[in-house]
């Protein structure tokens, strides 16, 4: 960071240039870590407001995007500490594994710590180097390496233990037929608490079953109340 005189007009021009070039990166990072569009917008605004104040104090960043993302990370961390957010990450972090859906990975990521998610976003989504991540998270290179290892291991464990949407749909079908074991019911309930799509699927299946069963109550037309052979039939 290079300090200089913070002339208001010059600071405004610098901020405008930084905003036009880097607002997308700041917003996407905030959205990936916080998974809430309104929170990401608020973090983006706060990030550039803090940047404006720093520029007016005379700061001039040597690497503007890293500087802005460091500010955004700090703001995200403050918001996450208040426990008001559900965190997840976009589809860029989804491994190329058959049957593994974006939603499954997003739910698993919610169980990681804030720093684990942030490190994964920086490394996998943004392609940042270890030194860049270390600078943004204020960690040593060895700590970043261990953090990413723990994050990847925790994500794998969550994916292995959690029920996928496909598995949940099968469990719902089995539950309707009374074939779901008690242990499986717990996993299904845990999945439904986090997946609105599968809740909707469950309601849809229940409604479908009621509609199908209603067919059994359809009244016969009078013409079929008794068998009568057509004229000339033997």
C-alpha atoms as a PDB file:
ATOM      1  CA  UNK A   1       0.000   0.000   0.000  1.00  0.00           C
ATOM      2  CA  UNK A   2       1.445   3.376  -0.997  1.00  0.00           C
ATOM      3  CA  UNK A   3       0.388   6.429   1.070  1.00  0.00           C
ATOM      4  CA  UNK A   4      -0.038   9.736  -0.747  1.00  0.00           C
ATOM      5  CA  UNK A   5      -1.949  12.947  -0.411  1.00  0.00           C
ATOM      6  CA  UNK A   6      -5.676  12.270  -0.382  1.00  0.00           C
ATOM      7  CA  UNK A   7      -6.993  15.015  -2.638  1.00  0.00           C
ATOM      8  CA  UNK A   8     -10.820  14.514  -2.768  1.00  0.00           C
ATOM      9  CA  UNK A   9     -11.181  15.039  -6.526  1.00  0.00           C
ATOM     10  CA  UNK A  10      -8.335  12.680  -7.340  1.00  0.00           C
ATOM     11  CA  UNK A  11      -9.631  10.114  -4.851  1.00  0.00           C
ATOM     12  CA  UNK A  12     -13.047  10.249  -6.492  1.00  0.00           C
ATOM     13  CA  UNK A  13     -11.530   9.597  -9.917  1.00  0.00           C
ATOM     14  CA  UNK A  14      -9.469   6.692  -8.590  1.00  0.00           C
ATOM     15  CA  UNK A  15     -12.493   5.190  -6.854  1.00  0.00           C
ATOM     16  CA  UNK A  16     -14.599   5.502  -9.991  1.00  0.00           C
ATOM     17  CA  UNK A  17     -11.942   3.693 -12.001  1.00  0.00           C
ATOM     18  CA  UNK A  18     -11.587   0.979  -9.348  1.00  0.00           C
ATOM     19  CA  UNK A  19     -15.335   0.529  -9.165  1.00  0.00           C
ATOM     20  CA  UNK A  20     -15.776   0.122 -12.922  1.00  0.00           C
ATOM     21  CA  UNK A  21     -12.931  -2.390 -13.144  1.00  0.00           C
ATOM     22  CA  UNK A  22     -13.456  -4.454 -10.015  1.00  0.00           C
ATOM     23  CA  UNK A  23     -17.053  -4.194  -8.780  1.00  0.00           C
ATOM     24  CA  UNK A  24     -17.895  -7.472 -10.524  1.00  0.00           C
ATOM     25  CA  UNK A  25     -15.089  -9.358  -8.785  1.00  0.00           C
ATOM     26  CA  UNK A  26     -16.037  -7.936  -5.382  1.00  0.00           C
ATOM     27  CA  UNK A  27     -19.723  -8.768  -5.823  1.00  0.00           C
ATOM     28  CA  UNK A  28     -19.069 -12.300  -7.097  1.00  0.00           C
ATOM     29  CA  UNK A  29     -16.713 -13.038  -4.210  1.00  0.00           C
ATOM     30  CA  UNK A  30     -19.229 -11.716  -1.668  1.00  0.00           C
ATOM     31  CA  UNK A  31     -22.076 -13.655  -3.236  1.00  0.00           C
ATOM     32  CA  UNK A  32     -20.054 -16.872  -3.321  1.00  0.00           C
ATOM     33  CA  UNK A  33     -19.124 -16.631   0.360  1.00  0.00           C
ATOM     34  CA  UNK A  34     -22.451 -15.341   1.700  1.00  0.00           C
ATOM     35  CA  UNK A  35     -24.962 -16.857  -0.770  1.00  0.00           C
ATOM     36  CA  UNK A  36     -27.387 -13.994  -0.413  1.00  0.00           C
ATOM     37  CA  UNK A  37     -27.801 -11.387  -3.137  1.00  0.00           C
ATOM     38  CA  UNK A  38     -28.936  -8.632  -0.784  1.00  0.00           C
ATOM     39  CA  UNK A  39     -26.036  -9.282   1.606  1.00  0.00           C
ATOM     40  CA  UNK A  40     -23.583  -9.420  -1.299  1.00  0.00           C
ATOM     41  CA  UNK A  41     -24.842  -6.051  -2.563  1.00  0.00           C
ATOM     42  CA  UNK A  42     -24.519  -4.565   0.912  1.00  0.00           C
ATOM     43  CA  UNK A  43     -20.996  -5.946   1.291  1.00  0.00           C
ATOM     44  CA  UNK A  44     -20.037  -4.568  -2.123  1.00  0.00           C
ATOM     45  CA  UNK A  45     -21.322  -1.098  -1.224  1.00  0.00           C
ATOM     46  CA  UNK A  46     -19.546  -1.198   2.143  1.00  0.00           C
ATOM     47  CA  UNK A  47     -16.341  -2.395   0.511  1.00  0.00           C
ATOM     48  CA  UNK A  48     -16.200   0.570  -1.857  1.00  0.00           C
ATOM     49  CA  UNK A  49     -17.268   2.965   0.882  1.00  0.00           C
ATOM     50  CA  UNK A  50     -14.352   1.734   3.001  1.00  0.00           C
ATOM     51  CA  UNK A  51     -12.106   1.954  -0.050  1.00  0.00           C
ATOM     52  CA  UNK A  52     -13.199   5.552  -0.605  1.00  0.00           C
ATOM     53  CA  UNK A  53     -12.295   6.450   2.971  1.00  0.00           C
ATOM     54  CA  UNK A  54      -8.912   4.778   2.607  1.00  0.00           C
ATOM     55  CA  UNK A  55      -8.227   6.639  -0.635  1.00  0.00           C
ATOM     56  CA  UNK A  56      -9.177   9.922   1.007  1.00  0.00           C
ATOM     57  CA  UNK A  57      -6.641   9.121   3.734  1.00  0.00           C
ATOM     58  CA  UNK A  58      -4.027   8.882   1.004  1.00  0.00           C
ATOM     59  CA  UNK A  59      -3.753   5.108   0.490  1.00  0.00           C
ATOM     60  CA  UNK A  60      -2.941   3.923  -3.030  1.00  0.00           C
ATOM     61  CA  UNK A  61      -3.028   0.129  -3.503  1.00  0.00           C
ATOM     62  CA  UNK A  62      -0.345  -1.521  -5.628  1.00  0.00           C
ATOM     63  CA  UNK A  63      -2.678  -4.446  -6.474  1.00  0.00           C
ATOM     64  CA  UNK A  64      -6.176  -2.906  -6.500  1.00  0.00           C
ATOM     65  CA  UNK A  65      -8.250  -6.089  -6.895  1.00  0.00           C
ATOM     66  CA  UNK A  66      -6.458  -7.929  -4.085  1.00  0.00           C
ATOM     67  CA  UNK A  67      -6.816  -4.837  -1.913  1.00  0.00           C
ATOM     68  CA  UNK A  68     -10.546  -4.585  -2.594  1.00  0.00           C
ATOM     69  CA  UNK A  69     -11.096  -8.300  -2.014  1.00  0.00           C
ATOM     70  CA  UNK A  70      -9.254  -8.058   1.270  1.00  0.00           C
ATOM     71  CA  UNK A  71     -11.669  -5.311   2.322  1.00  0.00           C
ATOM     72  CA  UNK A  72     -14.620  -7.383   1.092  1.00  0.00           C
ATOM     73  CA  UNK A  73     -13.370 -10.436   2.972  1.00  0.00           C
ATOM     74  CA  UNK A  74     -13.163  -8.444   6.183  1.00  0.00           C
ATOM     75  CA  UNK A  75     -16.721  -7.142   5.727  1.00  0.00           C
ATOM     76  CA  UNK A  76     -17.997 -10.655   4.909  1.00  0.00           C
ATOM     77  CA  UNK A  77     -16.315 -12.027   8.015  1.00  0.00           C
ATOM     78  CA  UNK A  78     -17.963  -9.381  10.181  1.00  0.00           C
ATOM     79  CA  UNK A  79     -21.389 -10.229   8.773  1.00  0.00           C
ATOM     80  CA  UNK A  80     -20.822 -13.968   9.135  1.00  0.00           C
ATOM     81  CA  UNK A  81     -19.913 -13.553  12.789  1.00  0.00           C
ATOM     82  CA  UNK A  82     -23.393 -12.209  13.451  1.00  0.00           C
ATOM     83  CA  UNK A  83     -24.820 -15.538  12.302  1.00  0.00           C
ATOM     84  CA  UNK A  84     -27.392 -13.963  10.004  1.00  0.00           C
ATOM     85  CA  UNK A  85     -26.313 -15.688   6.826  1.00  0.00           C
ATOM     86  CA  UNK A  86     -26.526 -19.100   5.187  1.00  0.00           C
ATOM     87  CA  UNK A  87     -23.280 -19.626   3.333  1.00  0.00           C
ATOM     88  CA  UNK A  88     -22.630 -21.527   0.193  1.00  0.00           C
ATOM     89  CA  UNK A  89     -20.799 -21.366  -3.073  1.00  0.00           C
ATOM     90  CA  UNK A  90     -21.727 -21.413  -6.731  1.00  0.00           C
ATOM     91  CA  UNK A  91     -21.543 -24.185  -9.221  1.00  0.00           C
ATOM     92  CA  UNK A  92     -17.911 -23.472 -10.092  1.00  0.00           C
ATOM     93  CA  UNK A  93     -16.929 -25.573  -7.065  1.00  0.00           C
ATOM     94  CA  UNK A  94     -18.943 -28.618  -8.110  1.00  0.00           C
ATOM     95  CA  UNK A  95     -16.663 -31.596  -8.865  1.00  0.00           C
ATOM     96  CA  UNK A  96     -17.125 -33.503 -12.109  1.00  0.00           C
ATOM     97  CA  UNK A  97     -18.656 -36.553 -10.460  1.00  0.00           C
ATOM     98  CA  UNK A  98     -21.698 -38.292 -11.937  1.00  0.00           C
ATOM     99  CA  UNK A  99     -24.793 -37.859  -9.815  1.00  0.00           C
ATOM    100  CA  UNK A 100     -23.338 -35.000  -7.740  1.00  0.00           C
ATOM    101  CA  UNK A 101     -25.411 -31.863  -8.145  1.00  0.00           C
ATOM    102  CA  UNK A 102     -24.634 -28.235  -7.403  1.00  0.00           C
ATOM    103  CA  UNK A 103     -27.269 -28.198  -4.661  1.00  0.00           C
ATOM    104  CA  UNK A 104     -25.591 -31.145  -2.902  1.00  0.00           C
ATOM    105  CA  UNK A 105     -22.249 -29.344  -2.793  1.00  0.00           C
ATOM    106  CA  UNK A 106     -23.863 -26.100  -1.665  1.00  0.00           C
ATOM    107  CA  UNK A 107     -25.552 -27.801   1.279  1.00  0.00           C
ATOM    108  CA  UNK A 108     -22.302 -29.536   2.245  1.00  0.00           C
ATOM    109  CA  UNK A 109     -20.391 -26.242   2.154  1.00  0.00           C
ATOM    110  CA  UNK A 110     -22.720 -24.765   4.761  1.00  0.00           C
ATOM    111  CA  UNK A 111     -21.099 -27.038   7.334  1.00  0.00           C
ATOM    112  CA  UNK A 112     -17.598 -25.666   6.713  1.00  0.00           C
ATOM    113  CA  UNK A 113     -16.168 -22.826   8.757  1.00  0.00           C
ATOM    114  CA  UNK A 114     -16.106 -19.324   7.302  1.00  0.00           C
ATOM    115  CA  UNK A 115     -12.339 -19.434   6.677  1.00  0.00           C
ATOM    116  CA  UNK A 116     -12.581 -22.875   5.059  1.00  0.00           C
ATOM    117  CA  UNK A 117     -15.257 -21.650   2.654  1.00  0.00           C
ATOM    118  CA  UNK A 118     -13.375 -18.440   1.935  1.00  0.00           C
ATOM    119  CA  UNK A 119     -10.160 -20.329   1.177  1.00  0.00           C
ATOM    120  CA  UNK A 120     -11.972 -22.724  -1.165  1.00  0.00           C
ATOM    121  CA  UNK A 121     -13.659 -19.840  -2.978  1.00  0.00           C
ATOM    122  CA  UNK A 122     -10.357 -18.044  -3.436  1.00  0.00           C
ATOM    123  CA  UNK A 123      -8.525 -21.152  -4.614  1.00  0.00           C
ATOM    124  CA  UNK A 124     -11.132 -23.037  -6.664  1.00  0.00           C
ATOM    125  CA  UNK A 125     -13.435 -20.276  -7.895  1.00  0.00           C
ATOM    126  CA  UNK A 126     -10.954 -17.429  -8.326  1.00  0.00           C
ATOM    127  CA  UNK A 127      -7.807 -19.475  -8.929  1.00  0.00           C
ATOM    128  CA  UNK A 128      -5.777 -17.483  -6.419  1.00  0.00           C
ATOM    129  CA  UNK A 129      -2.269 -18.549  -5.454  1.00  0.00           C
ATOM    130  CA  UNK A 130      -1.268 -19.622  -1.955  1.00  0.00           C
ATOM    131  CA  UNK A 131       0.610 -16.344  -1.323  1.00  0.00           C
ATOM    132  CA  UNK A 132      -2.482 -14.330  -2.354  1.00  0.00           C
ATOM    133  CA  UNK A 133      -4.747 -16.353  -0.078  1.00  0.00           C
ATOM    134  CA  UNK A 134      -2.235 -16.037   2.750  1.00  0.00           C
ATOM    135  CA  UNK A 135      -2.190 -12.255   2.349  1.00  0.00           C
ATOM    136  CA  UNK A 136      -5.987 -11.950   2.241  1.00  0.00           C
ATOM    137  CA  UNK A 137      -6.575 -14.258   5.213  1.00  0.00           C
ATOM    138  CA  UNK A 138      -3.516 -12.986   7.105  1.00  0.00           C
ATOM    139  CA  UNK A 139      -2.097 -16.500   7.431  1.00  0.00           C
ATOM    140  CA  UNK A 140       1.212 -18.169   6.725  1.00  0.00           C
ATOM    141  CA  UNK A 141       1.651 -20.313   3.614  1.00  0.00           C
ATOM    142  CA  UNK A 142       1.761 -23.430   5.777  1.00  0.00           C
ATOM    143  CA  UNK A 143      -1.490 -22.407   7.471  1.00  0.00           C
ATOM    144  CA  UNK A 144      -3.165 -21.857   4.086  1.00  0.00           C
ATOM    145  CA  UNK A 145      -2.040 -25.283   2.921  1.00  0.00           C
ATOM    146  CA  UNK A 146      -3.491 -26.915   6.042  1.00  0.00           C
ATOM    147  CA  UNK A 147      -6.671 -24.832   5.820  1.00  0.00           C
ATOM    148  CA  UNK A 148      -7.341 -25.947   2.250  1.00  0.00           C
ATOM    149  CA  UNK A 149      -6.600 -29.556   3.185  1.00  0.00           C
ATOM    150  CA  UNK A 150      -9.087 -29.404   6.074  1.00  0.00           C
ATOM    151  CA  UNK A 151     -11.671 -27.665   3.910  1.00  0.00           C
ATOM    152  CA  UNK A 152     -11.467 -30.248   1.136  1.00  0.00           C
ATOM    153  CA  UNK A 153     -11.578 -33.114   3.608  1.00  0.00           C
ATOM    154  CA  UNK A 154     -14.557 -31.620   5.444  1.00  0.00           C
ATOM    155  CA  UNK A 155     -16.386 -31.073   2.157  1.00  0.00           C
ATOM    156  CA  UNK A 156     -15.773 -34.678   1.099  1.00  0.00           C
ATOM    157  CA  UNK A 157     -16.979 -35.993   4.462  1.00  0.00           C
ATOM    158  CA  UNK A 158     -20.126 -33.894   4.305  1.00  0.00           C
ATOM    159  CA  UNK A 159     -20.868 -35.089   0.781  1.00  0.00           C
ATOM    160  CA  UNK A 160     -20.371 -38.701   1.802  1.00  0.00           C
ATOM    161  CA  UNK A 161     -22.608 -38.403   4.860  1.00  0.00           C
ATOM    162  CA  UNK A 162     -25.391 -36.255   3.430  1.00  0.00           C
ATOM    163  CA  UNK A 163     -28.323 -37.380   1.335  1.00  0.00           C
ATOM    164  CA  UNK A 164     -28.360 -36.145  -2.253  1.00  0.00           C
ATOM    165  CA  UNK A 165     -31.503 -34.810  -3.924  1.00  0.00           C
ATOM    166  CA  UNK A 166     -31.701 -37.951  -6.023  1.00  0.00           C
ATOM    167  CA  UNK A 167     -31.391 -40.072  -2.885  1.00  0.00           C
ATOM    168  CA  UNK A 168     -33.999 -37.936  -1.133  1.00  0.00           C
ATOM    169  CA  UNK A 169     -36.488 -38.407  -3.971  1.00  0.00           C
ATOM    170  CA  UNK A 170     -35.990 -42.170  -3.782  1.00  0.00           C
ATOM    171  CA  UNK A 171     -36.410 -42.052   0.014  1.00  0.00           C
ATOM    172  CA  UNK A 172     -39.648 -40.080  -0.363  1.00  0.00           C
ATOM    173  CA  UNK A 173     -40.976 -42.686  -2.771  1.00  0.00           C
ATOM    174  CA  UNK A 174     -40.034 -45.492  -0.383  1.00  0.00           C
ATOM    175  CA  UNK A 175     -41.584 -43.622   2.536  1.00  0.00           C
ATOM    176  CA  UNK A 176     -44.896 -43.401   0.679  1.00  0.00           C
ATOM    177  CA  UNK A 177     -44.819 -47.186   0.365  1.00  0.00           C
ATOM    178  CA  UNK A 178     -43.888 -47.689   4.023  1.00  0.00           C
ATOM    179  CA  UNK A 179     -40.494 -49.146   3.095  1.00  0.00           C
ATOM    180  CA  UNK A 180     -38.187 -46.502   4.612  1.00  0.00           C
ATOM    181  CA  UNK A 181     -36.103 -47.608   7.593  1.00  0.00           C
ATOM    182  CA  UNK A 182     -36.017 -45.504  10.753  1.00  0.00           C
ATOM    183  CA  UNK A 183     -32.368 -44.521  10.286  1.00  0.00           C
ATOM    184  CA  UNK A 184     -33.110 -43.418   6.738  1.00  0.00           C
ATOM    185  CA  UNK A 185     -35.982 -41.238   7.943  1.00  0.00           C
ATOM    186  CA  UNK A 186     -33.547 -39.163   9.996  1.00  0.00           C
ATOM    187  CA  UNK A 187     -31.346 -38.512   6.979  1.00  0.00           C
ATOM    188  CA  UNK A 188     -34.396 -37.596   4.899  1.00  0.00           C
ATOM    189  CA  UNK A 189     -35.684 -35.154   7.524  1.00  0.00           C
ATOM    190  CA  UNK A 190     -32.249 -33.504   7.715  1.00  0.00           C
ATOM    191  CA  UNK A 191     -32.193 -33.130   3.925  1.00  0.00           C
ATOM    192  CA  UNK A 192     -35.713 -31.692   3.768  1.00  0.00           C
ATOM    193  CA  UNK A 193     -34.842 -29.047   6.359  1.00  0.00           C
ATOM    194  CA  UNK A 194     -32.317 -27.645   3.869  1.00  0.00           C
ATOM    195  CA  UNK A 195     -33.896 -28.343   0.471  1.00  0.00           C
ATOM    196  CA  UNK A 196     -37.060 -26.541  -0.612  1.00  0.00           C
ATOM    197  CA  UNK A 197     -37.060 -28.375  -3.944  1.00  0.00           C
ATOM    198  CA  UNK A 198     -37.290 -31.764  -2.281  1.00  0.00           C
ATOM    199  CA  UNK A 199     -39.979 -30.505   0.110  1.00  0.00           C
ATOM    200  CA  UNK A 200     -41.983 -29.453  -2.947  1.00  0.00           C
ATOM    201  CA  UNK A 201     -41.314 -32.862  -4.502  1.00  0.00           C
ATOM    202  CA  UNK A 202     -42.609 -34.593  -1.353  1.00  0.00           C
ATOM    203  CA  UNK A 203     -45.829 -32.533  -1.365  1.00  0.00           C
ATOM    204  CA  UNK A 204     -46.226 -33.205  -5.073  1.00  0.00           C
ATOM    205  CA  UNK A 205     -45.883 -36.952  -4.538  1.00  0.00           C
ATOM    206  CA  UNK A 206     -48.407 -36.901  -1.708  1.00  0.00           C
ATOM    207  CA  UNK A 207     -50.897 -34.962  -3.820  1.00  0.00           C
ATOM    208  CA  UNK A 208     -50.300 -37.296  -6.728  1.00  0.00           C
ATOM    209  CA  UNK A 209     -51.012 -40.313  -4.518  1.00  0.00           C
ATOM    210  CA  UNK A 210     -54.269 -38.758  -3.272  1.00  0.00           C
ATOM    211  CA  UNK A 211     -55.349 -38.026  -6.837  1.00  0.00           C
ATOM    212  CA  UNK A 212     -54.588 -41.570  -7.925  1.00  0.00           C
ATOM    213  CA  UNK A 213     -56.458 -43.042  -4.984  1.00  0.00           C
ATOM    214  CA  UNK A 214     -59.422 -40.798  -5.749  1.00  0.00           C
ATOM    215  CA  UNK A 215     -59.834 -42.729  -8.957  1.00  0.00           C
ATOM    216  CA  UNK A 216     -61.078 -45.647  -6.866  1.00  0.00           C
ATOM    217  CA  UNK A 217     -64.085 -43.588  -5.789  1.00  0.00           C
ATOM    218  CA  UNK A 218     -65.252 -42.706  -9.295  1.00  0.00           C
ATOM    219  CA  UNK A 219     -68.873 -43.784  -9.743  1.00  0.00           C
ATOM    220  CA  UNK A 220     -69.827 -46.144 -12.534  1.00  0.00           C
ATOM    221  CA  UNK A 221     -72.084 -44.659 -15.181  1.00  0.00           C
ATOM    222  CA  UNK A 222     -75.680 -46.003 -15.120  1.00  0.00           C
ATOM    223  CA  UNK A 223     -75.113 -47.821 -18.397  1.00  0.00           C
ATOM    224  CA  UNK A 224     -72.670 -50.115 -16.636  1.00  0.00           C
ATOM    225  CA  UNK A 225     -74.790 -50.826 -13.575  1.00  0.00           C
ATOM    226  CA  UNK A 226     -75.670 -54.251 -14.996  1.00  0.00           C
ATOM    227  CA  UNK A 227     -74.337 -56.359 -17.792  1.00  0.00           C
ATOM    228  CA  UNK A 228     -76.516 -56.567 -20.844  1.00  0.00           C
ATOM    229  CA  UNK A 229     -75.366 -58.213 -24.023  1.00  0.00           C
ATOM    230  CA  UNK A 230     -75.844 -56.203 -27.206  1.00  0.00           C
ATOM    231  CA  UNK A 231     -78.659 -57.354 -29.501  1.00  0.00           C
ATOM    232  CA  UNK A 232     -77.672 -60.303 -31.617  1.00  0.00           C
ATOM    233  CA  UNK A 233     -74.818 -61.307 -29.346  1.00  0.00           C
ATOM    234  CA  UNK A 234     -74.627 -64.948 -28.394  1.00  0.00           C
END
